[in-house]
């Protein structure tokens, strides 16, 4: 007999969205505060903070779409 695990899609959508917002905010604040405190940041740190912002936006947009709309409809 097969048993199915009940997946909590609303919780996953909210958690993914909040993680995306946190990444975006930390990337933006890290870039602004790092530049204000240290004057200039090395290229790898600027790239890291920029990537955090981009990943935060993508995660914040796609997490509710995937876990809130697409996966519940497929199941």
N, C-alpha and C. Protein backbone atom coordinates (compact mmCIF):
# COMPACT_ATOMS: atom_id res chain seq x y z
N UNK A 1 0.84 -1.16 0.00
CA UNK A 1 0.00 0.00 0.00
C UNK A 1 0.90 1.24 0.00
N UNK A 2 0.66 2.13 -0.91
CA UNK A 2 1.48 3.33 -1.03
C UNK A 2 0.99 4.41 -0.08
N UNK A 3 1.95 5.07 0.55
CA UNK A 3 1.61 6.17 1.45
C UNK A 3 2.13 7.46 0.83
N UNK A 4 1.31 8.49 0.89
CA UNK A 4 1.70 9.78 0.35
C UNK A 4 2.02 10.73 1.50
N UNK A 5 3.04 11.53 1.27
CA UNK A 5 3.42 12.54 2.25
C UNK A 5 2.68 13.82 1.91
N UNK A 6 1.98 14.37 2.86
CA UNK A 6 1.25 15.62 2.63
C UNK A 6 2.24 16.78 2.63
N UNK A 7 2.36 17.44 1.49
CA UNK A 7 3.26 18.56 1.37
C UNK A 7 2.51 19.85 1.67
N UNK A 8 3.10 20.68 2.51
CA UNK A 8 2.48 21.94 2.91
C UNK A 8 2.93 23.04 1.95
N UNK A 9 2.21 23.17 0.84
CA UNK A 9 2.59 24.13 -0.20
C UNK A 9 2.49 25.58 0.26
N UNK A 10 1.47 25.98 0.99
CA UNK A 10 1.44 27.38 1.44
C UNK A 10 2.63 27.76 2.31
N UNK A 11 3.03 26.84 3.16
CA UNK A 11 4.19 27.11 4.01
C UNK A 11 5.47 27.23 3.18
N UNK A 12 5.63 26.37 2.18
CA UNK A 12 6.80 26.45 1.31
C UNK A 12 6.82 27.73 0.49
N UNK A 13 5.65 28.17 0.04
CA UNK A 13 5.57 29.41 -0.73
C UNK A 13 5.94 30.61 0.13
N UNK A 14 5.42 30.67 1.35
CA UNK A 14 5.73 31.79 2.24
C UNK A 14 7.19 31.78 2.65
N UNK A 15 7.72 30.62 2.97
CA UNK A 15 9.12 30.53 3.37
C UNK A 15 10.05 30.91 2.22
N UNK A 16 9.76 30.45 1.02
CA UNK A 16 10.57 30.81 -0.13
C UNK A 16 10.52 32.30 -0.43
N UNK A 17 9.34 32.89 -0.32
CA UNK A 17 9.21 34.33 -0.55
C UNK A 17 10.00 35.11 0.49
N UNK A 18 9.87 34.74 1.76
CA UNK A 18 10.60 35.44 2.81
C UNK A 18 12.11 35.25 2.69
N UNK A 19 12.55 34.09 2.26
CA UNK A 19 13.97 33.87 2.02
C UNK A 19 14.46 34.75 0.88
N UNK A 20 13.66 34.89 -0.16
CA UNK A 20 14.01 35.77 -1.27
C UNK A 20 14.11 37.22 -0.83
N UNK A 21 13.16 37.67 -0.01
CA UNK A 21 13.20 39.04 0.50
C UNK A 21 14.45 39.24 1.38
N UNK A 22 14.75 38.26 2.21
CA UNK A 22 15.94 38.36 3.08
C UNK A 22 17.22 38.44 2.25
N UNK A 23 17.34 37.63 1.21
CA UNK A 23 18.52 37.69 0.35
C UNK A 23 18.64 39.05 -0.33
N UNK A 24 17.52 39.56 -0.82
CA UNK A 24 17.53 40.86 -1.49
C UNK A 24 17.95 41.97 -0.53
N UNK A 25 17.38 41.97 0.67
CA UNK A 25 17.70 43.02 1.64
C UNK A 25 19.15 42.91 2.10
N UNK A 26 19.61 41.71 2.40
CA UNK A 26 20.99 41.54 2.84
C UNK A 26 21.99 41.92 1.74
N UNK A 27 21.68 41.59 0.51
CA UNK A 27 22.55 41.98 -0.59
C UNK A 27 22.61 43.48 -0.77
N UNK A 28 21.46 44.14 -0.70
CA UNK A 28 21.42 45.59 -0.83
C UNK A 28 22.09 46.31 0.32
N UNK A 29 21.78 45.87 1.54
CA UNK A 29 22.40 46.49 2.71
C UNK A 29 23.90 46.23 2.77
N UNK A 30 24.31 45.03 2.40
CA UNK A 30 25.73 44.72 2.41
C UNK A 30 26.51 45.59 1.45
N UNK A 31 25.92 45.85 0.30
CA UNK A 31 26.59 46.69 -0.69
C UNK A 31 26.65 48.14 -0.21
N UNK A 32 25.55 48.65 0.31
CA UNK A 32 25.50 50.05 0.74
C UNK A 32 26.36 50.27 1.98
N UNK A 33 26.20 49.42 2.99
CA UNK A 33 26.94 49.58 4.24
C UNK A 33 28.43 49.29 4.02
N UNK A 34 28.73 48.28 3.23
CA UNK A 34 30.14 47.97 2.96
C UNK A 34 30.85 49.09 2.25
N UNK A 35 30.18 49.72 1.30
CA UNK A 35 30.78 50.84 0.59
C UNK A 35 30.92 52.05 1.51
N UNK A 36 29.93 52.28 2.39
CA UNK A 36 29.99 53.42 3.31
C UNK A 36 31.07 53.23 4.37
N UNK A 37 31.24 52.03 4.84
CA UNK A 37 32.20 51.78 5.93
C UNK A 37 33.63 51.66 5.40
N UNK A 38 33.82 50.89 4.35
CA UNK A 38 35.15 50.60 3.87
C UNK A 38 35.57 51.43 2.66
N UNK A 39 34.71 52.27 2.17
CA UNK A 39 35.05 53.10 1.02
C UNK A 39 34.82 52.39 -0.29
N UNK A 40 35.50 51.34 -0.52
CA UNK A 40 35.34 50.54 -1.73
C UNK A 40 35.42 49.08 -1.39
N UNK A 41 34.66 48.30 -2.10
CA UNK A 41 34.67 46.85 -1.87
C UNK A 41 35.41 46.16 -3.00
N UNK A 42 36.07 45.04 -2.69
CA UNK A 42 36.69 44.26 -3.77
C UNK A 42 35.63 43.75 -4.75
N UNK A 43 36.08 43.41 -5.92
CA UNK A 43 35.15 42.98 -6.98
C UNK A 43 34.37 41.73 -6.57
N UNK A 44 35.00 40.81 -5.87
CA UNK A 44 34.29 39.58 -5.53
C UNK A 44 33.16 39.85 -4.53
N UNK A 45 33.34 40.85 -3.65
CA UNK A 45 32.27 41.18 -2.71
C UNK A 45 31.12 41.90 -3.41
N UNK A 46 31.44 42.77 -4.34
CA UNK A 46 30.39 43.43 -5.11
C UNK A 46 29.59 42.40 -5.91
N UNK A 47 30.30 41.44 -6.48
CA UNK A 47 29.63 40.38 -7.23
C UNK A 47 28.75 39.52 -6.31
N UNK A 48 29.24 39.23 -5.13
CA UNK A 48 28.47 38.44 -4.17
C UNK A 48 27.19 39.15 -3.77
N UNK A 49 27.28 40.43 -3.45
CA UNK A 49 26.10 41.17 -3.04
C UNK A 49 25.12 41.34 -4.21
N UNK A 50 25.62 41.56 -5.39
CA UNK A 50 24.75 41.67 -6.56
C UNK A 50 24.04 40.34 -6.84
N UNK A 51 24.77 39.24 -6.74
CA UNK A 51 24.16 37.93 -6.93
C UNK A 51 23.11 37.63 -5.88
N UNK A 52 23.34 38.07 -4.64
CA UNK A 52 22.34 37.89 -3.59
C UNK A 52 21.07 38.65 -3.93
N UNK A 53 21.21 39.86 -4.46
CA UNK A 53 20.03 40.64 -4.84
C UNK A 53 19.26 39.97 -5.97
N UNK A 54 19.97 39.50 -6.98
CA UNK A 54 19.31 38.87 -8.13
C UNK A 54 18.64 37.56 -7.71
N UNK A 55 19.33 36.74 -6.94
CA UNK A 55 18.73 35.49 -6.47
C UNK A 55 17.54 35.75 -5.55
N UNK A 56 17.61 36.81 -4.76
CA UNK A 56 16.49 37.16 -3.89
C UNK A 56 15.26 37.53 -4.69
N UNK A 57 15.45 38.31 -5.76
CA UNK A 57 14.32 38.68 -6.61
C UNK A 57 13.73 37.44 -7.28
N UNK A 58 14.60 36.60 -7.85
CA UNK A 58 14.10 35.41 -8.54
C UNK A 58 13.39 34.46 -7.59
N UNK A 59 13.96 34.25 -6.42
CA UNK A 59 13.34 33.35 -5.45
C UNK A 59 12.03 33.93 -4.93
N UNK A 60 12.00 35.23 -4.70
CA UNK A 60 10.78 35.87 -4.22
C UNK A 60 9.66 35.83 -5.24
N UNK A 61 10.01 35.85 -6.52
CA UNK A 61 8.98 35.81 -7.56
C UNK A 61 8.53 34.39 -7.89
N UNK A 62 9.47 33.49 -8.00
CA UNK A 62 9.13 32.15 -8.48
C UNK A 62 8.64 31.20 -7.38
N UNK A 63 9.00 31.43 -6.15
CA UNK A 63 8.57 30.54 -5.08
C UNK A 63 7.05 30.52 -4.92
N UNK A 64 6.36 31.67 -4.86
CA UNK A 64 4.90 31.61 -4.78
C UNK A 64 4.26 31.03 -6.05
N UNK A 65 4.87 31.30 -7.20
CA UNK A 65 4.31 30.76 -8.43
C UNK A 65 4.41 29.24 -8.48
N UNK A 66 5.57 28.73 -8.07
CA UNK A 66 5.79 27.28 -8.13
C UNK A 66 5.04 26.56 -7.02
N UNK A 67 5.25 27.00 -5.77
CA UNK A 67 4.67 26.28 -4.62
C UNK A 67 3.23 26.70 -4.33
N UNK A 68 2.82 27.86 -4.80
CA UNK A 68 1.47 28.31 -4.52
C UNK A 68 0.48 28.03 -5.63
N UNK A 69 0.96 27.93 -6.86
CA UNK A 69 0.05 27.76 -8.00
C UNK A 69 0.31 26.46 -8.76
N UNK A 70 1.54 26.29 -9.24
CA UNK A 70 1.83 25.20 -10.17
C UNK A 70 1.76 23.82 -9.50
N UNK A 71 2.49 23.61 -8.43
CA UNK A 71 2.53 22.28 -7.82
C UNK A 71 1.19 21.83 -7.24
N UNK A 72 0.41 22.70 -6.59
CA UNK A 72 -0.91 22.22 -6.14
C UNK A 72 -1.83 21.83 -7.31
N UNK A 73 -1.70 22.50 -8.45
CA UNK A 73 -2.52 22.14 -9.60
C UNK A 73 -2.08 20.82 -10.23
N UNK A 74 -0.79 20.55 -10.21
CA UNK A 74 -0.26 19.31 -10.80
C UNK A 74 -0.64 18.11 -9.93
N UNK A 75 -0.62 18.30 -8.64
CA UNK A 75 -0.92 17.20 -7.73
C UNK A 75 -2.36 16.88 -7.83
